[in-house]
Amino acid sequence: MAHPHVWIAYTASVRMHGTSIVAIDEHWRFTEGFPVQLVGIDQLPARGLLDAAQTKRFHDQAFASLAHASYFTHLFVDGNPQAFGEPTGFQVSVEDGKIMYSFQLPLAAPVDVRGKNAELGVWDPSFYVDYEAKSDQAVSLAQGAPQSCSIRSFVDKSHPIFNGFVLPHASAIAC
C-alpha cells in the first residue's frame, strides 16, 4: 500500500491550430533513482541525449507499455475524455543526473475548445507514479495559440485518484 514508487516532475505545452487542441508536448523529469536496470542499461551518459539504441530500449521497455493509460495524460472537453494517437518524437536524455523523457502526444482528432470547458492533467490513477507540476506554469499554451486563449492551474476535485485520497492538479484551458 506504500505509494508512490516513482516521482516525476512534468511540464506540458498545449499545441493548437486556431482554437483546436491538436497535441500536447510533454517533458517528464524523473527523480533520482529511476531504475535504469529495468531497461537493461548499465551506463548512461553524464548528460545529454541518449543514443538511438538506448532510446529504443527505453521506449520499448519502459515507455510503450504506458499506451494503455494514455501516457497518464488526461484531456476532458465538456467532461468527455479525449483520445490520443501514437506519441511522436520520443527522446530520452540525462540532465543533472536525472532521466528526462520528451515526446509529443497528438490527439486522435483535433478538438475545438472555443466556449467549452477543457481540462488537462497528467496523473496516474493508481498513484504508483506521482506526477508533480514543475511550477504553477508547468502547463502552457504553445507558441501560435490564439491570444484569446488562456490557461490556469487548479486542484481537480472531479477526478480524485488513489481511491480518493489524492486530488491531482490540472489546468483549465479557455478560448
Protein backbone atom coordinates (compact mmCIF):
# COMPACT_ATOMS: atom_id res chain seq x y z
CA MET A 1 0.00 0.00 0.00
CA ALA A 2 3.01 2.33 0.12
CA HIS A 3 2.64 4.77 -2.75
CA PRO A 4 4.06 6.34 -4.83
CA HIS A 5 7.12 4.45 -6.10
CA VAL A 6 8.18 6.79 -8.91
CA TRP A 7 8.18 10.59 -8.86
CA ILE A 8 8.07 12.72 -11.99
CA ALA A 9 8.14 16.49 -12.36
CA TYR A 10 6.47 17.44 -15.63
CA THR A 11 5.77 20.28 -17.99
CA ALA A 12 3.31 20.26 -20.86
CA SER A 13 2.73 22.61 -23.75
CA VAL A 14 -0.65 22.60 -25.49
CA ARG A 15 -0.35 22.82 -29.29
CA MET A 16 -3.26 24.47 -31.01
CA HIS A 17 -4.47 25.15 -34.53
CA GLY A 18 -6.78 28.09 -34.09
CA THR A 19 -8.90 27.23 -31.05
CA SER A 20 -8.50 23.48 -31.58
CA ILE A 21 -6.11 21.45 -29.45
CA VAL A 22 -4.06 19.18 -31.72
CA ALA A 23 -1.27 17.82 -29.46
CA ILE A 24 0.45 18.01 -26.08
CA ASP A 25 4.24 18.32 -25.86
CA GLU A 26 5.39 16.72 -22.63
CA HIS A 27 8.63 16.67 -20.66
CA TRP A 28 8.97 14.31 -17.71
CA ARG A 29 11.90 14.59 -15.30
CA PHE A 30 12.29 11.50 -13.13
CA THR A 31 13.67 11.79 -9.63
CA GLU A 32 16.99 10.23 -8.80
CA GLY A 33 16.74 6.51 -8.51
CA PHE A 34 14.84 5.81 -11.74
CA PRO A 35 15.53 2.11 -12.05
CA VAL A 36 17.51 2.07 -15.31
CA GLN A 37 18.21 -1.60 -14.68
CA LEU A 38 14.57 -2.16 -15.71
CA VAL A 39 15.58 -1.36 -19.26
CA GLY A 40 18.88 -3.24 -19.08
CA ILE A 41 21.25 -0.31 -19.47
CA ASP A 42 24.37 -0.30 -17.36
CA GLN A 43 25.92 3.01 -18.39
CA LEU A 44 24.27 6.30 -19.24
CA PRO A 45 25.95 9.47 -20.45
CA ALA A 46 26.67 12.03 -17.75
CA ARG A 47 24.41 14.45 -19.61
CA GLY A 48 22.65 14.93 -22.91
CA LEU A 49 20.61 12.77 -25.26
CA LEU A 50 20.89 9.00 -25.21
CA ASP A 51 21.96 7.31 -28.41
CA ALA A 52 19.39 5.69 -30.71
CA ALA A 53 19.86 2.17 -29.32
CA GLN A 54 19.46 3.30 -25.69
CA THR A 55 16.45 5.45 -26.59
CA LYS A 56 14.81 2.50 -28.35
CA ARG A 57 15.44 0.34 -25.29
CA PHE A 58 13.75 2.90 -23.00
CA HIS A 59 10.90 3.24 -25.48
CA ASP A 60 10.30 -0.49 -25.79
CA GLN A 61 10.92 -1.47 -22.15
CA ALA A 62 9.54 1.47 -20.15
CA PHE A 63 7.50 3.83 -22.35
CA ALA A 64 5.40 1.89 -24.86
CA SER A 65 3.64 0.00 -22.07
CA LEU A 66 2.06 3.29 -20.95
CA ALA A 67 -0.12 3.42 -24.08
CA HIS A 68 -2.95 1.60 -22.28
CA ALA A 69 -3.06 4.50 -19.81
CA SER A 70 -2.80 7.23 -22.49
CA TYR A 71 0.63 8.05 -21.07
CA PHE A 72 -1.15 9.25 -17.92
CA THR A 73 -2.34 12.30 -19.84
CA HIS A 74 -5.98 13.27 -19.39
CA LEU A 75 -7.81 15.80 -21.53
CA PHE A 76 -11.51 16.39 -20.89
CA VAL A 77 -13.68 18.66 -23.03
CA ASP A 78 -17.09 19.36 -21.53
CA GLY A 79 -16.46 16.34 -19.29
CA ASN A 80 -15.73 13.96 -22.16
CA PRO A 81 -12.32 12.28 -22.23
CA GLN A 82 -10.38 12.86 -25.45
CA ALA A 83 -8.42 10.09 -27.18
CA PHE A 84 -4.77 10.39 -28.12
CA GLY A 85 -2.90 8.97 -31.06
CA GLU A 86 0.56 7.42 -31.04
CA PRO A 87 3.24 9.60 -29.44
CA THR A 88 5.94 11.04 -31.67
CA GLY A 89 9.41 12.46 -31.13
CA PHE A 90 10.21 10.31 -28.09
CA GLN A 91 13.63 11.23 -26.68
CA VAL A 92 15.48 10.33 -23.52
CA SER A 93 18.19 12.48 -22.02
CA VAL A 94 20.13 12.86 -18.79
CA GLU A 95 20.00 16.26 -17.09
CA ASP A 96 21.67 16.88 -13.75
CA GLY A 97 21.91 13.13 -13.23
CA LYS A 98 18.19 12.56 -13.82
CA ILE A 99 16.38 10.78 -16.65
CA MET A 100 14.22 13.03 -18.83
CA TYR A 101 11.55 11.94 -21.34
CA SER A 102 10.33 14.29 -24.07
CA PHE A 103 7.57 13.46 -26.53
CA GLN A 104 4.55 14.81 -28.37
CA LEU A 105 1.15 13.25 -27.78
CA PRO A 106 -1.19 14.13 -30.67
CA LEU A 107 -4.94 13.97 -30.23
CA ALA A 108 -6.67 11.25 -32.23
CA ALA A 109 -8.72 14.11 -33.71
CA PRO A 110 -8.33 17.85 -33.05
CA VAL A 111 -10.91 19.24 -30.67
CA ASP A 112 -12.18 22.82 -30.77
CA VAL A 113 -12.32 24.17 -27.22
CA ARG A 114 -13.81 27.59 -28.00
CA GLY A 115 -16.56 28.22 -25.45
CA LYS A 116 -16.09 24.78 -23.89
CA ASN A 117 -14.82 23.53 -20.56
CA ALA A 118 -11.41 21.99 -21.34
CA GLU A 119 -9.20 20.44 -18.64
CA LEU A 120 -5.76 18.87 -19.00
CA GLY A 121 -3.99 16.88 -16.32
CA VAL A 122 -1.14 14.41 -16.00
CA TRP A 123 -1.63 11.79 -13.29
CA ASP A 124 -1.54 8.07 -12.56
CA PRO A 125 -4.91 6.98 -11.10
CA SER A 126 -3.19 4.26 -9.05
CA PHE A 127 -0.72 6.83 -7.65
CA TYR A 128 2.12 4.37 -8.29
CA VAL A 129 3.69 7.29 -10.16
CA ASP A 130 3.38 10.73 -8.61
CA TYR A 131 3.29 13.45 -11.28
CA GLU A 132 4.06 16.89 -9.97
CA ALA A 133 3.90 20.08 -11.98
CA LYS A 134 7.33 21.73 -12.07
CA SER A 135 5.69 25.09 -11.30
CA ASP A 136 2.36 26.91 -11.40
CA GLN A 137 3.08 27.49 -15.10
CA ALA A 138 4.01 23.86 -15.79
CA VAL A 139 1.24 23.66 -18.38
CA SER A 140 1.32 26.36 -21.02
CA LEU A 141 -0.04 27.19 -24.43
CA ALA A 142 2.46 26.60 -27.22
CA GLN A 143 3.63 29.42 -29.42
CA GLY A 144 0.99 30.26 -32.00
CA ALA A 145 -2.02 29.69 -29.75
CA PRO A 146 -4.62 32.45 -30.10
CA GLN A 147 -4.20 35.33 -27.67
CA SER A 148 -7.86 34.88 -26.77
CA CYS A 149 -6.97 31.55 -25.13
CA SER A 150 -5.69 31.25 -21.57
CA ILE A 151 -4.69 28.58 -19.11
CA ARG A 152 -4.90 28.36 -15.32
CA SER A 153 -3.95 25.61 -12.90
CA PHE A 154 -6.31 24.22 -10.26
CA VAL A 155 -6.81 21.27 -7.93
CA ASP A 156 -9.02 18.80 -9.80
CA LYS A 157 -11.68 17.68 -7.33
CA SER A 158 -13.65 15.98 -10.12
CA HIS A 159 -11.01 13.28 -10.73
CA PRO A 160 -9.67 12.07 -7.36
CA ILE A 161 -7.02 9.36 -7.57
CA PHE A 162 -5.69 6.59 -5.34
CA ASN A 163 -9.15 5.66 -4.07
CA GLY A 164 -10.00 9.32 -3.45
CA PHE A 165 -7.06 10.05 -1.15
CA VAL A 166 -5.27 12.35 -3.62
CA LEU A 167 -6.56 15.27 -5.70
CA PRO A 168 -4.44 15.82 -8.81
CA HIS A 169 -3.53 19.16 -10.27
CA ALA A 170 -4.89 20.06 -13.69
CA SER A 171 -5.14 23.05 -15.99
CA ALA A 172 -8.24 24.71 -17.39
CA ILE A 173 -7.92 25.87 -20.98
CA ALA A 174 -10.28 28.63 -22.08
CA CYS A 175 -10.74 30.19 -25.52
